Each structure stands twice: as structure tokens, then as C-alpha cells.
Amino acid sequence: MRRKRLDSVKSKVSDMFDIPKDITLNLPRISLTGNNQMLIENHKGVIEYTPERIRINSTIGVIRLQGTEMNLRNIAADDIMVTGGIKTIEFI
């Protein structure tokens, strides 16, 4: 309950000062280039990795990617680059 109220206050402050919510609420930022490159910032780690399915943990839950010949590139503490044929993106 307290967490929801804190997030609500952070969201309002973010709106008031025009600060991106991914910064104030620590939300993942996802940038997709076509269907073959995806950058995920503010992740919490890789759960599963195969060429057909990748699951990445985040503050809003699991992000599941399905596709063909997918690879993880540039894995860093705060961002991950996924390349390959991305077919579906799901938030679980």
C-alpha cells in the first residue's frame, strides 16, 4: 500500500517537473528498431536465454521476447541489446 502511494507521488512529481517516468519510477525503457534490434534499459537481469525465447526481469515484471536467431549483445548492469528476428514482445 505504501509503495503504491509513493509511486503515485513520484508520478505526480514527474508530471509536474516534466521528468521522464523511467527515471523517477525506475521503469524499464525499451527502444525497438524495426523487428531486429531492441534495447532494454533499467533491467533486473536475464531469466532465460535461447535463440527462440528471451525472458528479462524488470521492475514491472518479466519481459518475454520470442523470435528466431535472437542474441544478447552489450549486456551491462543497466542495459541489454537484443538482436535477431523479434516476433513477439510480452509483459508478464
N, C-alpha and C. Protein backbone atom coordinates (compact mmCIF):
# COMPACT_ATOMS: atom_id res chain seq x y z
N MET A 1 0.83 -1.19 0.00
CA MET A 1 0.00 0.00 0.00
C MET A 1 0.87 1.25 0.00
N ARG A 2 1.87 1.25 0.88
CA ARG A 2 2.74 2.42 0.97
C ARG A 2 3.53 2.60 -0.32
N ARG A 3 3.95 1.49 -0.93
CA ARG A 3 4.71 1.53 -2.18
C ARG A 3 3.88 2.17 -3.29
N LYS A 4 2.59 1.82 -3.38
CA LYS A 4 1.71 2.39 -4.40
C LYS A 4 1.55 3.90 -4.20
N ARG A 5 1.43 4.30 -2.94
CA ARG A 5 1.27 5.72 -2.65
C ARG A 5 2.54 6.48 -3.01
N LEU A 6 3.70 5.90 -2.70
CA LEU A 6 4.97 6.52 -3.04
C LEU A 6 5.13 6.63 -4.56
N ASP A 7 4.78 5.58 -5.28
CA ASP A 7 4.84 5.62 -6.75
C ASP A 7 3.89 6.67 -7.31
N SER A 8 2.73 6.83 -6.69
CA SER A 8 1.77 7.85 -7.13
C SER A 8 2.35 9.25 -6.95
N VAL A 9 2.99 9.48 -5.82
CA VAL A 9 3.61 10.79 -5.57
C VAL A 9 4.75 11.03 -6.56
N LYS A 10 5.57 10.01 -6.78
CA LYS A 10 6.67 10.14 -7.74
C LYS A 10 6.14 10.44 -9.14
N SER A 11 5.05 9.79 -9.52
CA SER A 11 4.45 10.01 -10.82
C SER A 11 3.96 11.46 -10.97
N LYS A 12 3.33 11.98 -9.93
CA LYS A 12 2.84 13.36 -9.96
C LYS A 12 4.00 14.36 -10.03
N VAL A 13 5.05 14.11 -9.27
CA VAL A 13 6.23 14.97 -9.31
C VAL A 13 6.86 14.93 -10.70
N SER A 14 6.93 13.73 -11.26
CA SER A 14 7.47 13.57 -12.61
C SER A 14 6.67 14.39 -13.62
N ASP A 15 5.34 14.36 -13.50
CA ASP A 15 4.48 15.15 -14.40
C ASP A 15 4.67 16.64 -14.18
N MET A 16 4.76 17.06 -12.92
CA MET A 16 4.90 18.48 -12.61
C MET A 16 6.18 19.08 -13.19
N PHE A 17 7.27 18.34 -13.06
CA PHE A 17 8.57 18.86 -13.49
C PHE A 17 9.00 18.33 -14.85
N ASP A 18 8.10 17.62 -15.53
CA ASP A 18 8.37 17.08 -16.86
C ASP A 18 9.63 16.22 -16.88
N ILE A 19 9.76 15.35 -15.86
CA ILE A 19 10.87 14.41 -15.77
C ILE A 19 10.38 13.06 -16.29
N PRO A 20 11.15 12.40 -17.13
CA PRO A 20 10.72 11.08 -17.64
C PRO A 20 10.43 10.10 -16.50
N LYS A 21 9.33 9.37 -16.62
CA LYS A 21 8.93 8.44 -15.56
C LYS A 21 9.87 7.25 -15.42
N ASP A 22 10.58 6.90 -16.49
CA ASP A 22 11.52 5.80 -16.35
C ASP A 22 12.62 6.15 -15.37
N ILE A 23 12.90 7.42 -15.18
CA ILE A 23 13.94 7.84 -14.23
C ILE A 23 13.38 7.86 -12.81
N THR A 24 12.25 8.52 -12.61
CA THR A 24 11.71 8.67 -11.25
C THR A 24 11.14 7.37 -10.71
N LEU A 25 10.54 6.55 -11.55
CA LEU A 25 9.91 5.31 -11.09
C LEU A 25 10.75 4.07 -11.37
N ASN A 26 11.97 4.27 -11.93
CA ASN A 26 12.86 3.17 -12.26
C ASN A 26 12.19 2.15 -13.19
N LEU A 27 11.44 2.64 -14.15
CA LEU A 27 10.76 1.78 -15.12
C LEU A 27 11.72 1.39 -16.23
N PRO A 28 11.49 0.24 -16.86
CA PRO A 28 12.34 -0.11 -17.99
C PRO A 28 12.03 0.80 -19.18
N ARG A 29 13.06 1.13 -19.92
CA ARG A 29 12.90 1.90 -21.16
C ARG A 29 13.26 0.95 -22.30
N ILE A 30 12.34 0.80 -23.24
CA ILE A 30 12.52 -0.14 -24.33
C ILE A 30 12.52 0.62 -25.64
N SER A 31 13.60 0.45 -26.41
CA SER A 31 13.71 1.07 -27.73
C SER A 31 13.80 -0.04 -28.76
N LEU A 32 12.91 -0.01 -29.73
CA LEU A 32 12.85 -1.06 -30.75
C LEU A 32 13.17 -0.44 -32.10
N THR A 33 14.10 -1.06 -32.81
CA THR A 33 14.45 -0.64 -34.16
C THR A 33 14.02 -1.74 -35.11
N GLY A 34 12.94 -1.46 -35.84
CA GLY A 34 12.38 -2.49 -36.71
C GLY A 34 11.97 -3.69 -35.89
N ASN A 35 12.20 -4.87 -36.44
CA ASN A 35 11.92 -6.08 -35.66
C ASN A 35 13.19 -6.89 -35.43
N ASN A 36 14.35 -6.20 -35.54
CA ASN A 36 15.59 -6.95 -35.37
C ASN A 36 16.57 -6.37 -34.36
N GLN A 37 16.17 -5.34 -33.62
CA GLN A 37 17.06 -4.81 -32.59
C GLN A 37 16.24 -4.16 -31.49
N MET A 38 16.54 -4.51 -30.24
CA MET A 38 15.81 -3.96 -29.10
C MET A 38 16.81 -3.64 -27.99
N LEU A 39 16.69 -2.42 -27.45
CA LEU A 39 17.50 -2.01 -26.31
C LEU A 39 16.58 -1.91 -25.11
N ILE A 40 16.94 -2.61 -24.03
CA ILE A 40 16.16 -2.58 -22.80
C ILE A 40 17.05 -1.97 -21.72
N GLU A 41 16.64 -0.82 -21.19
CA GLU A 41 17.38 -0.15 -20.13
C GLU A 41 16.64 -0.35 -18.80
N ASN A 42 17.35 -0.27 -17.71
CA ASN A 42 16.80 -0.45 -16.36
C ASN A 42 16.26 -1.86 -16.14
N HIS A 43 16.97 -2.86 -16.60
CA HIS A 43 16.55 -4.25 -16.39
C HIS A 43 17.05 -4.76 -15.05
N LYS A 44 16.54 -5.93 -14.67
CA LYS A 44 16.93 -6.56 -13.40
C LYS A 44 17.61 -7.91 -13.62
N GLY A 45 17.97 -8.23 -14.85
CA GLY A 45 18.68 -9.47 -15.12
C GLY A 45 17.98 -10.36 -16.13
N VAL A 46 18.73 -11.29 -16.67
CA VAL A 46 18.23 -12.25 -17.65
C VAL A 46 17.76 -13.50 -16.91
N ILE A 47 16.54 -13.93 -17.23
CA ILE A 47 15.98 -15.14 -16.61
C ILE A 47 16.19 -16.35 -17.51
N GLU A 48 15.96 -16.17 -18.80
CA GLU A 48 16.06 -17.27 -19.76
C GLU A 48 16.63 -16.73 -21.06
N TYR A 49 17.47 -17.53 -21.69
CA TYR A 49 18.07 -17.10 -22.95
C TYR A 49 18.25 -18.29 -23.89
N THR A 50 17.47 -18.33 -24.95
CA THR A 50 17.65 -19.27 -26.05
C THR A 50 17.50 -18.45 -27.33
N PRO A 51 17.92 -18.98 -28.47
CA PRO A 51 17.75 -18.23 -29.72
C PRO A 51 16.28 -17.94 -30.08
N GLU A 52 15.34 -18.71 -29.49
CA GLU A 52 13.92 -18.53 -29.78
C GLU A 52 13.16 -17.77 -28.70
N ARG A 53 13.69 -17.73 -27.47
CA ARG A 53 12.98 -17.05 -26.37
C ARG A 53 13.97 -16.43 -25.40
N ILE A 54 13.67 -15.18 -25.03
CA ILE A 54 14.47 -14.47 -24.04
C ILE A 54 13.51 -13.89 -23.02
N ARG A 55 13.79 -14.12 -21.74
CA ARG A 55 12.99 -13.52 -20.66
C ARG A 55 13.91 -12.66 -19.81
N ILE A 56 13.49 -11.41 -19.61
CA ILE A 56 14.28 -10.43 -18.87
C ILE A 56 13.44 -9.89 -17.73
N ASN A 57 14.00 -9.88 -16.54
CA ASN A 57 13.29 -9.37 -15.37
C ASN A 57 13.38 -7.84 -15.35
N SER A 58 12.30 -7.20 -14.88
CA SER A 58 12.27 -5.74 -14.77
C SER A 58 11.42 -5.35 -13.56
N THR A 59 11.37 -4.08 -13.27
CA THR A 59 10.58 -3.60 -12.13
C THR A 59 9.08 -3.75 -12.36
N ILE A 60 8.65 -3.91 -13.61
CA ILE A 60 7.23 -4.08 -13.90
C ILE A 60 6.87 -5.54 -14.18
N GLY A 61 7.82 -6.44 -14.02
CA GLY A 61 7.58 -7.85 -14.28
C GLY A 61 8.54 -8.38 -15.32
N VAL A 62 8.19 -9.51 -15.89
CA VAL A 62 9.05 -10.17 -16.87
C VAL A 62 8.70 -9.68 -18.27
N ILE A 63 9.73 -9.39 -19.04
CA ILE A 63 9.57 -9.04 -20.46
C ILE A 63 10.00 -10.27 -21.24
N ARG A 64 9.05 -10.86 -22.00
CA ARG A 64 9.34 -12.08 -22.76
C ARG A 64 9.37 -11.76 -24.25
N LEU A 65 10.47 -12.11 -24.88
CA LEU A 65 10.64 -11.93 -26.32
C LEU A 65 10.65 -13.31 -26.97
N GLN A 66 9.96 -13.42 -28.09
CA GLN A 66 10.02 -14.66 -28.86
C GLN A 66 10.37 -14.31 -30.29
N GLY A 67 11.18 -15.16 -30.91
CA GLY A 67 11.60 -14.88 -32.28
C GLY A 67 12.52 -15.96 -32.79
N THR A 68 13.39 -15.56 -33.71
CA THR A 68 14.33 -16.50 -34.32
C THR A 68 15.74 -15.91 -34.29
N GLU A 69 16.70 -16.77 -34.05
CA GLU A 69 18.12 -16.39 -34.07
C GLU A 69 18.41 -15.15 -33.24
N MET A 70 17.77 -15.04 -32.07
CA MET A 70 18.00 -13.88 -31.21
C MET A 70 19.29 -14.06 -30.42
N ASN A 71 19.97 -12.94 -30.21
CA ASN A 71 21.22 -12.92 -29.45
C ASN A 71 21.19 -11.77 -28.46
N LEU A 72 21.90 -11.94 -27.35
CA LEU A 72 22.09 -10.85 -26.39
C LEU A 72 23.42 -10.19 -26.71
N ARG A 73 23.38 -8.89 -26.90
CA ARG A 73 24.59 -8.11 -27.18
C ARG A 73 24.71 -7.02 -26.13
N ASN A 74 25.91 -6.60 -25.85
CA ASN A 74 26.16 -5.47 -24.96
C ASN A 74 25.41 -5.59 -23.63
N ILE A 75 25.55 -6.70 -22.95
CA ILE A 75 24.91 -6.86 -21.65
C ILE A 75 25.70 -6.04 -20.63
N ALA A 76 25.03 -5.09 -20.01
CA ALA A 76 25.65 -4.25 -18.99
C ALA A 76 24.76 -4.24 -17.75
N ALA A 77 25.21 -3.58 -16.72
CA ALA A 77 24.45 -3.55 -15.47
C ALA A 77 23.09 -2.90 -15.64
N ASP A 78 22.97 -1.96 -16.57
CA ASP A 78 21.69 -1.25 -16.71
C ASP A 78 21.06 -1.34 -18.09
N ASP A 79 21.69 -2.00 -19.06
CA ASP A 79 21.02 -2.16 -20.35
C ASP A 79 21.45 -3.44 -21.06
N ILE A 80 20.57 -3.90 -21.93
CA ILE A 80 20.80 -5.11 -22.73
C ILE A 80 20.36 -4.83 -24.15
N MET A 81 21.16 -5.25 -25.12
CA MET A 81 20.80 -5.15 -26.53
C MET A 81 20.46 -6.55 -27.04
N VAL A 82 19.26 -6.69 -27.62
CA VAL A 82 18.83 -7.94 -28.22
C VAL A 82 18.79 -7.75 -29.72
N THR A 83 19.39 -8.68 -30.46
CA THR A 83 19.35 -8.64 -31.91
C THR A 83 18.77 -9.96 -32.43
N GLY A 84 18.30 -9.95 -33.65
CA GLY A 84 17.73 -11.15 -34.27
C GLY A 84 16.31 -10.88 -34.72
N GLY A 85 15.62 -11.90 -35.13
CA GLY A 85 14.24 -11.77 -35.61
C GLY A 85 13.25 -11.76 -34.47
N ILE A 86 12.89 -10.59 -33.98
CA ILE A 86 11.96 -10.46 -32.86
C ILE A 86 10.53 -10.55 -33.40
N LYS A 87 9.79 -11.54 -32.94
CA LYS A 87 8.41 -11.76 -33.41
C LYS A 87 7.36 -11.22 -32.44
N THR A 88 7.55 -11.50 -31.13
CA THR A 88 6.56 -11.04 -30.14
C THR A 88 7.27 -10.48 -28.91
N ILE A 89 6.61 -9.51 -28.28
CA ILE A 89 7.07 -8.91 -27.03
C ILE A 89 5.90 -8.97 -26.07
N GLU A 90 6.11 -9.59 -24.90
CA GLU A 90 5.05 -9.72 -23.92
C GLU A 90 5.53 -9.23 -22.56
N PHE A 91 4.60 -8.63 -21.82
CA PHE A 91 4.86 -8.21 -20.45
C PHE A 91 4.07 -9.12 -19.54
N ILE A 92 4.76 -9.92 -18.74
CA ILE A 92 4.12 -10.93 -17.90
C ILE A 92 4.15 -10.49 -16.46
